[in-house]
């Protein structure tokens, strides 16, 4: 039997600032804009999440990479996203080698933090 590490309660922190999601057709142009947090390229183009503290419809970012987990650990992202979905909170995610970014609408951050804490996660605001 293969014993992969499994999801556990995680330590998350809210990153400073507000972020916007933008459609990307040219990765070089997106990468050169200030405040880039994440750039995701797919077969039909891509998306960039960049900091814009003036955005009316901005997103707040939570990061679990301060306590990096094994890339083969299972269920780490779903342990965060599932409670948010159950709380009817939309999310946008991106992952790096060391951790996951989970973004929620900035105007619903307080609710998201409460949902995550009730699910057993530590969240530093």
Protein backbone atom coordinates (compact mmCIF):
# COMPACT_ATOMS: atom_id res chain seq x y z
CA UNK A 1 0.00 0.00 0.00
CA UNK A 2 1.29 3.46 -0.93
CA UNK A 3 1.23 5.83 2.03
CA UNK A 4 1.10 9.35 0.66
CA UNK A 5 0.95 12.27 3.09
CA UNK A 6 -2.63 13.50 3.35
CA UNK A 7 -4.34 16.81 3.89
CA UNK A 8 -4.17 18.35 7.32
CA UNK A 9 -5.04 21.58 9.02
CA UNK A 10 -2.90 24.26 7.43
CA UNK A 11 -1.43 27.61 8.34
CA UNK A 12 -2.51 30.34 5.97
CA UNK A 13 -1.88 34.03 5.92
CA UNK A 14 -3.64 36.82 4.10
CA UNK A 15 -1.27 38.62 1.74
CA UNK A 16 -1.18 42.38 1.78
CA UNK A 17 -3.15 44.19 -0.91
CA UNK A 18 -5.97 43.49 -3.31
CA UNK A 19 -5.65 41.68 -6.61
CA UNK A 20 -7.41 41.62 -9.98
CA UNK A 21 -7.78 38.79 -12.47
CA UNK A 22 -6.93 39.63 -16.08
CA UNK A 23 -7.13 37.63 -19.29
CA UNK A 24 -3.69 37.15 -20.85
CA UNK A 25 -2.84 36.66 -24.51
CA UNK A 26 0.86 37.57 -24.30
CA UNK A 27 2.77 36.20 -21.30
CA UNK A 28 5.71 38.57 -21.80
CA UNK A 29 3.48 41.63 -21.58
CA UNK A 30 1.66 40.26 -18.52
CA UNK A 31 4.94 39.40 -16.80
CA UNK A 32 6.25 42.93 -17.28
CA UNK A 33 3.28 44.63 -15.57
CA UNK A 34 3.82 45.69 -11.96
CA UNK A 35 2.35 43.73 -9.06
CA UNK A 36 2.20 40.31 -10.72
CA UNK A 37 1.23 37.63 -8.21
CA UNK A 38 0.45 34.69 -10.50
CA UNK A 39 0.55 33.95 -14.20
CA UNK A 40 -1.19 30.83 -15.49
CA UNK A 41 -0.98 29.78 -19.12
CA UNK A 42 -3.40 27.34 -20.68
CA UNK A 43 -4.14 26.07 -24.17
CA UNK A 44 -6.56 28.95 -24.83
CA UNK A 45 -4.45 31.78 -23.40
CA UNK A 46 -3.97 32.55 -19.79
CA UNK A 47 -4.77 34.55 -16.72
CA UNK A 48 -2.78 36.91 -14.55
CA UNK A 49 -3.51 37.89 -11.00
CA UNK A 50 -1.85 41.18 -10.16
CA UNK A 51 -2.00 43.61 -7.30
CA UNK A 52 -4.32 46.59 -7.69
CA UNK A 53 -5.32 48.10 -4.35
CA UNK A 54 -7.72 50.51 -6.10
CA UNK A 55 -9.88 47.79 -7.69
CA UNK A 56 -13.54 47.90 -6.72
CA UNK A 57 -13.95 44.19 -7.37
CA UNK A 58 -10.57 43.02 -6.06
CA UNK A 59 -9.64 39.69 -4.58
CA UNK A 60 -7.85 38.91 -1.31
CA UNK A 61 -5.07 36.31 -1.40
CA UNK A 62 -4.41 33.57 1.14
CA UNK A 63 -1.07 31.72 1.08
CA UNK A 64 -0.23 28.37 2.67
CA UNK A 65 3.41 28.22 1.54
CA UNK A 66 5.03 29.46 4.73
CA UNK A 67 4.80 25.83 5.90
CA UNK A 68 5.58 24.25 2.54
CA UNK A 69 4.12 20.79 2.07
CA UNK A 70 5.43 17.83 0.13
CA UNK A 71 4.37 18.19 -3.53
CA UNK A 72 3.04 14.63 -3.33
CA UNK A 73 0.79 15.35 -0.34
CA UNK A 74 -2.80 14.68 -1.30
CA UNK A 75 -5.81 16.85 -0.64
CA UNK A 76 -3.96 19.96 0.51
CA UNK A 77 -5.72 22.39 -1.81
CA UNK A 78 -9.09 20.67 -1.50
CA UNK A 79 -8.85 20.94 2.30
CA UNK A 80 -8.94 24.72 1.80
CA UNK A 81 -11.24 25.01 -1.20
CA UNK A 82 -13.93 22.52 -0.09
CA UNK A 83 -14.99 24.48 3.02
CA UNK A 84 -14.99 27.70 1.00
CA UNK A 85 -17.23 26.08 -1.62
CA UNK A 86 -19.54 24.79 1.11
CA UNK A 87 -19.70 28.37 2.39
CA UNK A 88 -20.69 29.49 -1.12
CA UNK A 89 -17.50 31.52 -1.58
CA UNK A 90 -15.99 31.73 -5.07
CA UNK A 91 -12.26 31.11 -5.33
CA UNK A 92 -9.44 31.46 -7.81
CA UNK A 93 -6.36 29.33 -7.22
CA UNK A 94 -2.79 29.05 -8.40
CA UNK A 95 -0.01 26.86 -7.08
CA UNK A 96 3.72 27.21 -6.86
CA UNK A 97 6.26 24.60 -5.88
CA UNK A 98 6.12 25.70 -2.24
CA UNK A 99 2.45 26.39 -1.71
CA UNK A 100 -0.95 27.42 -2.93
CA UNK A 101 -2.57 30.79 -3.51
CA UNK A 102 -6.29 30.85 -2.81
CA UNK A 103 -8.06 34.06 -3.69
CA UNK A 104 -11.51 35.07 -2.52
CA UNK A 105 -13.49 38.24 -3.23
CA UNK A 106 -11.98 40.93 -0.98
CA UNK A 107 -15.39 42.02 0.27
CA UNK A 108 -15.98 38.46 1.55
CA UNK A 109 -12.60 37.91 3.18
CA UNK A 110 -13.94 38.03 6.74
CA UNK A 111 -16.46 35.28 5.94
CA UNK A 112 -13.76 33.20 4.23
CA UNK A 113 -11.44 33.48 7.24
CA UNK A 114 -14.25 32.35 9.54
CA UNK A 115 -15.08 29.38 7.31
CA UNK A 116 -11.44 28.30 7.16
CA UNK A 117 -10.96 28.62 10.92
CA UNK A 118 -14.07 26.53 11.59
CA UNK A 119 -12.60 23.91 9.23
CA UNK A 120 -9.53 23.72 11.49
CA UNK A 121 -7.09 25.97 9.65
CA UNK A 122 -5.03 28.74 11.25
CA UNK A 123 -5.41 32.01 9.37
CA UNK A 124 -3.23 35.06 10.07
CA UNK A 125 -4.82 38.29 8.92
